[in-house]
Amino acid sequence: MSDLAQTWPDGVERMLAGARAHGLAVEVRPRPPARSLPEAAALLGLTPADIAKTLVLRRSDGSYLFAVLPGDTQLAWPKLRALVGVNKLTLPDAGEALAATGYARGTITPVGSSTAWPLWVDARLAGRRVAMGAGDHGYSAFVDVDALVTAYGGVVADLAEPAG
């Protein structure tokens, strides 16, 4: 886990506290702020596929779930709706996502979220160590995806399709 003596912004501190509470090892790396996932990947010396993006999605009953996908893919909406057993899922606006998770868009992670929503992870990420949101802009969290799934009771499934 990251240096505990380090002073981190509130969002990163909350993410690290969540990781500790779940026994999840996380490495946090500061980086210059990025305007996009490809830019963040370049700043970290990674490809977009090496960054996991976390989407928070709203069900029609008002509850939420997390979908974690490789950065070079997009959500396959019909696949996830079928897996979750709902007819409708929506992507909330930035304010609603912040209210649901405690994290701003671009920093969202299931780790340390203000509510522990169900976690769905794309199968392409299984067995990999990836960078993902760390709870605040200008930081990335490196995690073992299998450990994340175990720590948060996630489900691994085919959720994504090539971006484009």
N, C-alpha and C. Protein backbone atom coordinates (compact mmCIF):
# COMPACT_ATOMS: atom_id res chain seq x y z
N MET A 1 0.85 -1.17 0.00
CA MET A 1 0.00 0.00 0.00
C MET A 1 0.89 1.23 0.00
N SER A 2 0.33 2.33 -0.33
CA SER A 2 1.09 3.57 -0.43
C SER A 2 1.64 4.01 0.91
N ASP A 3 2.62 4.88 0.86
CA ASP A 3 3.25 5.41 2.05
C ASP A 3 2.20 6.08 2.94
N LEU A 4 1.96 5.51 4.10
CA LEU A 4 0.92 6.02 4.99
C LEU A 4 1.28 7.37 5.59
N ALA A 5 2.56 7.74 5.58
CA ALA A 5 2.97 9.04 6.12
C ALA A 5 2.70 10.17 5.12
N GLN A 6 2.49 9.81 3.86
CA GLN A 6 2.19 10.78 2.81
C GLN A 6 0.87 11.49 3.12
N THR A 7 0.80 12.77 2.83
CA THR A 7 -0.45 13.51 2.95
C THR A 7 -1.11 13.54 1.58
N TRP A 8 -2.32 13.03 1.52
CA TRP A 8 -3.07 12.94 0.27
C TRP A 8 -4.30 13.84 0.33
N PRO A 9 -4.84 14.24 -0.82
CA PRO A 9 -6.12 14.95 -0.83
C PRO A 9 -7.22 14.07 -0.23
N ASP A 10 -8.31 14.69 0.19
CA ASP A 10 -9.39 13.97 0.88
C ASP A 10 -9.90 12.76 0.10
N GLY A 11 -10.11 12.91 -1.21
CA GLY A 11 -10.63 11.79 -2.00
C GLY A 11 -9.68 10.61 -2.03
N VAL A 12 -8.38 10.88 -2.16
CA VAL A 12 -7.39 9.82 -2.16
C VAL A 12 -7.32 9.18 -0.77
N GLU A 13 -7.37 9.98 0.27
CA GLU A 13 -7.37 9.44 1.65
C GLU A 13 -8.56 8.49 1.86
N ARG A 14 -9.74 8.90 1.37
CA ARG A 14 -10.94 8.05 1.52
C ARG A 14 -10.78 6.75 0.74
N MET A 15 -10.21 6.84 -0.47
CA MET A 15 -9.97 5.64 -1.27
C MET A 15 -8.99 4.72 -0.56
N LEU A 16 -7.90 5.27 -0.02
CA LEU A 16 -6.92 4.45 0.70
C LEU A 16 -7.52 3.83 1.96
N ALA A 17 -8.34 4.57 2.67
CA ALA A 17 -9.01 4.02 3.86
C ALA A 17 -9.93 2.86 3.47
N GLY A 18 -10.65 3.03 2.36
CA GLY A 18 -11.50 1.94 1.87
C GLY A 18 -10.69 0.72 1.50
N ALA A 19 -9.55 0.93 0.85
CA ALA A 19 -8.68 -0.19 0.48
C ALA A 19 -8.18 -0.91 1.73
N ARG A 20 -7.72 -0.14 2.73
CA ARG A 20 -7.25 -0.77 3.98
C ARG A 20 -8.36 -1.57 4.64
N ALA A 21 -9.56 -1.01 4.67
CA ALA A 21 -10.69 -1.69 5.32
C ALA A 21 -11.04 -3.01 4.63
N HIS A 22 -10.72 -3.12 3.34
CA HIS A 22 -11.02 -4.34 2.59
C HIS A 22 -9.78 -5.20 2.34
N GLY A 23 -8.64 -4.83 2.93
CA GLY A 23 -7.43 -5.60 2.75
C GLY A 23 -6.90 -5.57 1.32
N LEU A 24 -7.15 -4.49 0.62
CA LEU A 24 -6.74 -4.35 -0.77
C LEU A 24 -5.48 -3.50 -0.87
N ALA A 25 -4.44 -4.05 -1.47
CA ALA A 25 -3.20 -3.31 -1.68
C ALA A 25 -3.39 -2.34 -2.85
N VAL A 26 -3.05 -1.08 -2.63
CA VAL A 26 -3.17 -0.03 -3.64
C VAL A 26 -1.90 0.79 -3.64
N GLU A 27 -1.41 1.10 -4.82
CA GLU A 27 -0.29 2.02 -4.97
C GLU A 27 -0.83 3.29 -5.63
N VAL A 28 -0.64 4.42 -4.99
CA VAL A 28 -1.09 5.70 -5.55
C VAL A 28 0.10 6.42 -6.16
N ARG A 29 -0.11 6.92 -7.37
CA ARG A 29 0.93 7.70 -8.04
C ARG A 29 0.36 9.06 -8.42
N PRO A 30 1.02 10.13 -7.97
CA PRO A 30 0.62 11.45 -8.45
C PRO A 30 1.01 11.57 -9.92
N ARG A 31 0.25 12.33 -10.66
CA ARG A 31 0.57 12.62 -12.06
C ARG A 31 -0.03 13.99 -12.38
N PRO A 32 0.47 14.63 -13.41
CA PRO A 32 -0.16 15.89 -13.80
C PRO A 32 -1.62 15.66 -14.15
N PRO A 33 -2.48 16.63 -13.92
CA PRO A 33 -3.89 16.47 -14.29
C PRO A 33 -4.02 16.15 -15.79
N ALA A 34 -4.98 15.32 -16.12
CA ALA A 34 -5.22 14.92 -17.51
C ALA A 34 -6.64 15.29 -17.91
N ARG A 35 -6.80 15.65 -19.17
CA ARG A 35 -8.13 16.01 -19.68
C ARG A 35 -8.89 14.82 -20.26
N SER A 36 -8.20 13.68 -20.39
CA SER A 36 -8.84 12.51 -20.98
C SER A 36 -8.12 11.25 -20.49
N LEU A 37 -8.76 10.12 -20.70
CA LEU A 37 -8.14 8.86 -20.33
C LEU A 37 -6.89 8.60 -21.18
N PRO A 38 -6.92 8.82 -22.50
CA PRO A 38 -5.67 8.64 -23.26
C PRO A 38 -4.54 9.55 -22.77
N GLU A 39 -4.86 10.75 -22.38
CA GLU A 39 -3.83 11.66 -21.87
C GLU A 39 -3.27 11.13 -20.54
N ALA A 40 -4.15 10.65 -19.67
CA ALA A 40 -3.69 10.07 -18.40
C ALA A 40 -2.78 8.87 -18.66
N ALA A 41 -3.16 8.03 -19.63
CA ALA A 41 -2.34 6.87 -19.96
C ALA A 41 -0.95 7.31 -20.43
N ALA A 42 -0.90 8.31 -21.29
CA ALA A 42 0.39 8.80 -21.78
C ALA A 42 1.25 9.35 -20.65
N LEU A 43 0.62 10.07 -19.73
CA LEU A 43 1.37 10.63 -18.60
C LEU A 43 1.96 9.54 -17.70
N LEU A 44 1.28 8.40 -17.64
CA LEU A 44 1.74 7.28 -16.81
C LEU A 44 2.62 6.30 -17.58
N GLY A 45 2.80 6.53 -18.89
CA GLY A 45 3.58 5.62 -19.70
C GLY A 45 2.86 4.31 -19.97
N LEU A 46 1.54 4.37 -20.02
CA LEU A 46 0.70 3.19 -20.24
C LEU A 46 -0.11 3.34 -21.53
N THR A 47 -0.76 2.28 -21.92
CA THR A 47 -1.73 2.36 -23.00
C THR A 47 -3.11 2.54 -22.37
N PRO A 48 -4.10 3.05 -23.11
CA PRO A 48 -5.46 3.15 -22.55
C PRO A 48 -6.01 1.82 -22.03
N ALA A 49 -5.60 0.72 -22.63
CA ALA A 49 -6.07 -0.59 -22.16
C ALA A 49 -5.56 -0.92 -20.76
N ASP A 50 -4.48 -0.25 -20.33
CA ASP A 50 -3.89 -0.48 -19.01
C ASP A 50 -4.53 0.37 -17.92
N ILE A 51 -5.50 1.19 -18.31
CA ILE A 51 -6.25 1.99 -17.35
C ILE A 51 -7.68 1.46 -17.30
N ALA A 52 -8.17 1.23 -16.11
CA ALA A 52 -9.55 0.79 -15.93
C ALA A 52 -10.40 2.01 -15.63
N LYS A 53 -11.45 2.20 -16.42
CA LYS A 53 -12.36 3.30 -16.13
C LYS A 53 -13.55 2.75 -15.37
N THR A 54 -13.97 3.50 -14.36
CA THR A 54 -15.08 3.10 -13.52
C THR A 54 -16.29 3.97 -13.86
N LEU A 55 -17.36 3.31 -14.26
CA LEU A 55 -18.62 4.00 -14.53
C LEU A 55 -19.57 3.73 -13.37
N VAL A 56 -20.29 4.74 -12.94
CA VAL A 56 -21.37 4.55 -11.99
C VAL A 56 -22.65 4.65 -12.81
N LEU A 57 -23.51 3.65 -12.66
CA LEU A 57 -24.74 3.56 -13.46
C LEU A 57 -25.95 3.49 -12.55
N ARG A 58 -27.03 4.13 -12.98
CA ARG A 58 -28.27 4.15 -12.19
C ARG A 58 -29.26 3.16 -12.76
N ARG A 59 -29.83 2.37 -11.86
CA ARG A 59 -30.94 1.48 -12.23
C ARG A 59 -32.24 2.27 -12.15
N SER A 60 -33.28 1.74 -12.72
CA SER A 60 -34.58 2.45 -12.71
C SER A 60 -35.15 2.59 -11.30
N ASP A 61 -34.72 1.75 -10.36
CA ASP A 61 -35.21 1.86 -8.97
C ASP A 61 -34.45 2.92 -8.18
N GLY A 62 -33.48 3.60 -8.83
CA GLY A 62 -32.73 4.66 -8.16
C GLY A 62 -31.45 4.19 -7.50
N SER A 63 -31.19 2.89 -7.48
CA SER A 63 -29.93 2.39 -6.93
C SER A 63 -28.87 2.44 -8.03
N TYR A 64 -27.63 2.22 -7.63
CA TYR A 64 -26.52 2.34 -8.55
C TYR A 64 -25.69 1.06 -8.56
N LEU A 65 -24.79 0.99 -9.53
CA LEU A 65 -23.79 -0.07 -9.59
C LEU A 65 -22.56 0.50 -10.27
N PHE A 66 -21.44 -0.17 -10.06
CA PHE A 66 -20.19 0.20 -10.71
C PHE A 66 -19.92 -0.79 -11.84
N ALA A 67 -19.46 -0.28 -12.97
CA ALA A 67 -18.95 -1.11 -14.05
C ALA A 67 -17.51 -0.65 -14.32
N VAL A 68 -16.58 -1.58 -14.27
CA VAL A 68 -15.17 -1.26 -14.48
C VAL A 68 -14.74 -1.91 -15.79
N LEU A 69 -14.24 -1.06 -16.70
CA LEU A 69 -13.92 -1.49 -18.06
C LEU A 69 -12.50 -1.07 -18.44
N PRO A 70 -11.88 -1.79 -19.38
CA PRO A 70 -10.61 -1.31 -19.90
C PRO A 70 -10.81 0.04 -20.60
N GLY A 71 -9.82 0.90 -20.52
CA GLY A 71 -9.94 2.24 -21.07
C GLY A 71 -10.10 2.32 -22.56
N ASP A 72 -9.76 1.25 -23.28
CA ASP A 72 -9.89 1.26 -24.73
C ASP A 72 -11.19 0.62 -25.20
N THR A 73 -12.14 0.44 -24.27
CA THR A 73 -13.44 -0.16 -24.62
C THR A 73 -14.56 0.78 -24.22
N GLN A 74 -15.77 0.38 -24.58
CA GLN A 74 -16.96 1.09 -24.13
C GLN A 74 -17.94 0.06 -23.56
N LEU A 75 -18.84 0.54 -22.76
CA LEU A 75 -19.82 -0.35 -22.13
C LEU A 75 -20.74 -0.94 -23.20
N ALA A 76 -20.95 -2.24 -23.12
CA ALA A 76 -21.92 -2.94 -23.97
C ALA A 76 -23.23 -2.95 -23.17
N TRP A 77 -24.02 -1.91 -23.34
CA TRP A 77 -25.24 -1.72 -22.55
C TRP A 77 -26.15 -2.94 -22.53
N PRO A 78 -26.47 -3.56 -23.67
CA PRO A 78 -27.37 -4.72 -23.63
C PRO A 78 -26.81 -5.88 -22.80
N LYS A 79 -25.50 -6.09 -22.88
CA LYS A 79 -24.88 -7.17 -22.10
C LYS A 79 -25.04 -6.92 -20.61
N LEU A 80 -24.73 -5.69 -20.16
CA LEU A 80 -24.82 -5.41 -18.73
C LEU A 80 -26.26 -5.43 -18.25
N ARG A 81 -27.18 -4.88 -19.04
CA ARG A 81 -28.61 -4.93 -18.63
C ARG A 81 -29.06 -6.37 -18.45
N ALA A 82 -28.67 -7.26 -19.36
CA ALA A 82 -29.05 -8.67 -19.26
C ALA A 82 -28.42 -9.31 -18.02
N LEU A 83 -27.16 -9.02 -17.76
CA LEU A 83 -26.48 -9.60 -16.59
C LEU A 83 -27.10 -9.12 -15.28
N VAL A 84 -27.44 -7.84 -15.23
CA VAL A 84 -28.00 -7.25 -14.01
C VAL A 84 -29.48 -7.59 -13.87
N GLY A 85 -30.12 -7.92 -14.99
CA GLY A 85 -31.54 -8.27 -14.96
C GLY A 85 -32.45 -7.07 -14.91
N VAL A 86 -32.07 -6.01 -15.64
CA VAL A 86 -32.90 -4.80 -15.70
C VAL A 86 -33.12 -4.42 -17.16
N ASN A 87 -34.17 -3.66 -17.40
CA ASN A 87 -34.46 -3.19 -18.74
C ASN A 87 -33.80 -1.86 -19.05
N LYS A 88 -33.40 -1.14 -17.98
CA LYS A 88 -32.86 0.19 -18.19
C LYS A 88 -31.75 0.48 -17.20
N LEU A 89 -30.66 1.02 -17.73
CA LEU A 89 -29.57 1.57 -16.94
C LEU A 89 -29.24 2.92 -17.56
N THR A 90 -28.89 3.89 -16.74
CA THR A 90 -28.51 5.19 -17.27
C THR A 90 -27.22 5.66 -16.62
N LEU A 91 -26.55 6.53 -17.35
CA LEU A 91 -25.32 7.15 -16.85
C LEU A 91 -25.73 8.48 -16.24
N PRO A 92 -25.62 8.62 -14.92
CA PRO A 92 -26.03 9.88 -14.30
C PRO A 92 -25.10 11.03 -14.68
N ASP A 93 -25.61 12.25 -14.54
CA ASP A 93 -24.75 13.40 -14.81
C ASP A 93 -23.69 13.50 -13.71
N ALA A 94 -22.75 14.40 -13.90
CA ALA A 94 -21.60 14.51 -12.99
C ALA A 94 -22.03 14.77 -11.55
N GLY A 95 -23.02 15.63 -11.34
CA GLY A 95 -23.48 15.93 -9.99
C GLY A 95 -24.11 14.73 -9.30
N GLU A 96 -24.90 13.99 -10.04
CA GLU A 96 -25.53 12.79 -9.47
C GLU A 96 -24.49 11.71 -9.18
N ALA A 97 -23.50 11.57 -10.07
CA ALA A 97 -22.43 10.60 -9.83
C ALA A 97 -21.64 10.96 -8.57
N LEU A 98 -21.37 12.25 -8.39
CA LEU A 98 -20.69 12.71 -7.18
C LEU A 98 -21.52 12.40 -5.94
N ALA A 99 -22.82 12.67 -5.99
CA ALA A 99 -23.70 12.39 -4.85
C ALA A 99 -23.76 10.89 -4.55
N ALA A 100 -23.72 10.05 -5.59
CA ALA A 100 -23.83 8.60 -5.41
C ALA A 100 -22.56 7.96 -4.88
N THR A 101 -21.40 8.56 -5.19
CA THR A 101 -20.12 7.92 -4.86
C THR A 101 -19.23 8.73 -3.93
N GLY A 102 -19.42 10.04 -3.92
CA GLY A 102 -18.52 10.92 -3.19
C GLY A 102 -17.30 11.30 -4.02
N TYR A 103 -17.24 10.85 -5.26
CA TYR A 103 -16.11 11.13 -6.13
C TYR A 103 -16.58 11.91 -7.37
N ALA A 104 -15.75 12.84 -7.82
CA ALA A 104 -16.03 13.59 -9.05
C ALA A 104 -15.76 12.71 -10.26
N ARG A 105 -16.49 12.98 -11.34
CA ARG A 105 -16.25 12.26 -12.58
C ARG A 105 -14.78 12.40 -12.96
N GLY A 106 -14.20 11.30 -13.44
CA GLY A 106 -12.77 11.29 -13.77
C GLY A 106 -11.90 10.80 -12.62
N THR A 107 -12.50 10.69 -11.42
CA THR A 107 -11.76 10.19 -10.25
C THR A 107 -12.47 9.00 -9.61
N ILE A 108 -13.63 8.62 -10.17
CA ILE A 108 -14.49 7.61 -9.55
C ILE A 108 -13.80 6.26 -9.49
N THR A 109 -13.93 5.65 -8.33
CA THR A 109 -13.43 4.31 -8.06
C THR A 109 -14.41 3.63 -7.12
N PRO A 110 -14.59 2.31 -7.22
CA PRO A 110 -15.44 1.63 -6.25
C PRO A 110 -14.79 1.59 -4.86
N VAL A 111 -13.48 1.78 -4.81
CA VAL A 111 -12.73 1.69 -3.55
C VAL A 111 -12.97 2.96 -2.73
N GLY A 112 -13.60 2.79 -1.57
CA GLY A 112 -13.85 3.92 -0.69
C GLY A 112 -15.05 4.76 -1.08
N SER A 113 -15.85 4.29 -2.02
CA SER A 113 -17.05 5.02 -2.41
C SER A 113 -17.92 5.26 -1.18
N SER A 114 -18.65 6.39 -1.18
CA SER A 114 -19.50 6.71 -0.03
C SER A 114 -20.58 5.66 0.19
N THR A 115 -20.94 4.91 -0.84
CA THR A 115 -21.84 3.75 -0.72
C THR A 115 -21.21 2.61 -1.48
N ALA A 116 -21.25 1.41 -0.91
CA ALA A 116 -20.65 0.24 -1.54
C ALA A 116 -21.65 -0.36 -2.53
N TRP A 117 -21.72 0.22 -3.73
CA TRP A 117 -22.63 -0.29 -4.76
C TRP A 117 -22.08 -1.59 -5.34
N PRO A 118 -22.95 -2.44 -5.91
CA PRO A 118 -22.46 -3.67 -6.54
C PRO A 118 -21.41 -3.37 -7.61
N LEU A 119 -20.45 -4.28 -7.73
CA LEU A 119 -19.31 -4.10 -8.63
C LEU A 119 -19.35 -5.15 -9.73
N TRP A 120 -19.28 -4.68 -10.97
CA TRP A 120 -19.19 -5.53 -12.16
C TRP A 120 -17.88 -5.14 -12.87
N VAL A 121 -17.08 -6.13 -13.22
CA VAL A 121 -15.78 -5.89 -13.84
C VAL A 121 -15.70 -6.66 -15.14
N ASP A 122 -15.25 -5.98 -16.20
CA ASP A 122 -15.13 -6.64 -17.49
C ASP A 122 -14.06 -7.73 -17.44
N ALA A 123 -14.36 -8.86 -18.07
CA ALA A 123 -13.48 -10.02 -18.05
C ALA A 123 -12.11 -9.73 -18.65
N ARG A 124 -12.00 -8.73 -19.53
CA ARG A 124 -10.69 -8.40 -20.12
C ARG A 124 -9.70 -7.91 -19.07
N LEU A 125 -10.19 -7.50 -17.92
CA LEU A 125 -9.31 -7.00 -16.86
C LEU A 125 -8.85 -8.08 -15.89
N ALA A 126 -9.48 -9.24 -15.93
CA ALA A 126 -9.14 -10.32 -15.00
C ALA A 126 -7.66 -10.68 -15.13
N GLY A 127 -7.01 -10.89 -13.98
CA GLY A 127 -5.62 -11.30 -13.95
C GLY A 127 -4.63 -10.18 -14.23
N ARG A 128 -5.10 -8.94 -14.25
CA ARG A 128 -4.22 -7.82 -14.60
C ARG A 128 -4.06 -6.85 -13.44
N ARG A 129 -2.98 -6.10 -13.48
CA ARG A 129 -2.76 -4.96 -12.59
C ARG A 129 -2.96 -3.72 -13.46
N VAL A 130 -3.84 -2.84 -13.03
CA VAL A 130 -4.19 -1.67 -13.84
C VAL A 130 -4.17 -0.40 -13.00
N ALA A 131 -4.16 0.72 -13.69
CA ALA A 131 -4.35 2.02 -13.05
C ALA A 131 -5.83 2.35 -13.13
N MET A 132 -6.32 3.03 -12.11
CA MET A 132 -7.71 3.47 -12.12
C MET A 132 -7.84 4.75 -11.31
N GLY A 133 -9.04 5.30 -11.27
CA GLY A 133 -9.27 6.50 -10.49
C GLY A 133 -8.85 6.31 -9.05
N ALA A 134 -8.35 7.38 -8.46
CA ALA A 134 -7.84 7.31 -7.09
C ALA A 134 -8.60 8.23 -6.14
N GLY A 135 -9.74 8.77 -6.60
CA GLY A 135 -10.55 9.60 -5.71
C GLY A 135 -10.31 11.09 -5.82
N ASP A 136 -9.29 11.50 -6.57
CA ASP A 136 -9.02 12.92 -6.76
C ASP A 136 -8.26 13.10 -8.07
N HIS A 137 -8.42 14.27 -8.70
CA HIS A 137 -7.73 14.56 -9.95
C HIS A 137 -6.22 14.65 -9.71
N GLY A 138 -5.46 14.15 -10.68
CA GLY A 138 -4.00 14.22 -10.59
C GLY A 138 -3.38 13.03 -9.87
N TYR A 139 -4.16 11.96 -9.67
CA TYR A 139 -3.65 10.76 -9.00
C TYR A 139 -4.23 9.54 -9.69
N SER A 140 -3.45 8.47 -9.71
CA SER A 140 -3.92 7.18 -10.21
C SER A 140 -3.64 6.12 -9.17
N ALA A 141 -4.54 5.17 -9.05
CA ALA A 141 -4.38 4.05 -8.12
C ALA A 141 -4.09 2.80 -8.94
N PHE A 142 -3.03 2.10 -8.57
CA PHE A 142 -2.68 0.84 -9.24
C PHE A 142 -3.16 -0.31 -8.36
N VAL A 143 -3.95 -1.19 -8.95
CA VAL A 143 -4.54 -2.30 -8.19
C VAL A 143 -4.50 -3.58 -9.02
N ASP A 144 -4.47 -4.69 -8.31
CA ASP A 144 -4.63 -6.00 -8.91
C ASP A 144 -6.13 -6.23 -9.06
N VAL A 145 -6.59 -6.42 -10.28
CA VAL A 145 -8.04 -6.51 -10.53
C VAL A 145 -8.65 -7.71 -9.80
N ASP A 146 -7.99 -8.85 -9.79
CA ASP A 146 -8.56 -10.01 -9.10
C ASP A 146 -8.72 -9.73 -7.60
N ALA A 147 -7.76 -9.04 -7.02
CA ALA A 147 -7.85 -8.68 -5.60
C ALA A 147 -9.00 -7.69 -5.37
N LEU A 148 -9.19 -6.75 -6.29
CA LEU A 148 -10.31 -5.80 -6.20
C LEU A 148 -11.64 -6.56 -6.23
N VAL A 149 -11.77 -7.48 -7.16
CA VAL A 149 -13.01 -8.26 -7.27
C VAL A 149 -13.27 -9.05 -5.99
N THR A 150 -12.24 -9.68 -5.46
CA THR A 150 -12.39 -10.45 -4.22
C THR A 150 -12.74 -9.53 -3.05
N ALA A 151 -12.03 -8.43 -2.91
CA ALA A 151 -12.24 -7.52 -1.78
C ALA A 151 -13.63 -6.91 -1.77
N TYR A 152 -14.19 -6.66 -2.95
CA TYR A 152 -15.48 -5.98 -3.03
C TYR A 152 -16.62 -6.87 -3.50
N GLY A 153 -16.39 -8.18 -3.53
CA GLY A 153 -17.46 -9.11 -3.92
C GLY A 153 -17.96 -8.85 -5.33
N GLY A 154 -17.05 -8.48 -6.21
CA GLY A 154 -17.43 -8.13 -7.58
C GLY A 154 -17.74 -9.35 -8.43
N VAL A 155 -18.33 -9.08 -9.59
CA VAL A 155 -18.66 -10.09 -10.57
C VAL A 155 -17.86 -9.77 -11.82
N VAL A 156 -17.17 -10.78 -12.35
CA VAL A 156 -16.41 -10.63 -13.59
C VAL A 156 -17.26 -11.20 -14.71
N ALA A 157 -17.45 -10.41 -15.77
CA ALA A 157 -18.29 -10.83 -16.89
C ALA A 157 -17.90 -10.02 -18.14
N ASP A 158 -18.43 -10.42 -19.25
CA ASP A 158 -18.21 -9.73 -20.52
C ASP A 158 -19.15 -8.51 -20.55
N LEU A 159 -18.59 -7.33 -20.29
CA LEU A 159 -19.39 -6.09 -20.19
C LEU A 159 -19.08 -5.06 -21.25
N ALA A 160 -17.98 -5.26 -21.99
CA ALA A 160 -17.47 -4.19 -22.84
C ALA A 160 -17.39 -4.64 -24.29
N GLU A 161 -17.22 -3.66 -25.14
CA GLU A 161 -16.98 -3.89 -26.56
C GLU A 161 -15.95 -2.86 -27.02
N PRO A 162 -15.30 -3.11 -28.14
CA PRO A 162 -14.30 -2.15 -28.60
C PRO A 162 -14.89 -0.76 -28.75
N ALA A 163 -14.13 0.24 -28.35
CA ALA A 163 -14.59 1.63 -28.48
C ALA A 163 -14.64 1.99 -29.95
N GLY A 164 -15.56 2.86 -30.27
CA GLY A 164 -15.58 3.31 -31.65
C GLY A 164 -16.93 3.42 -32.13
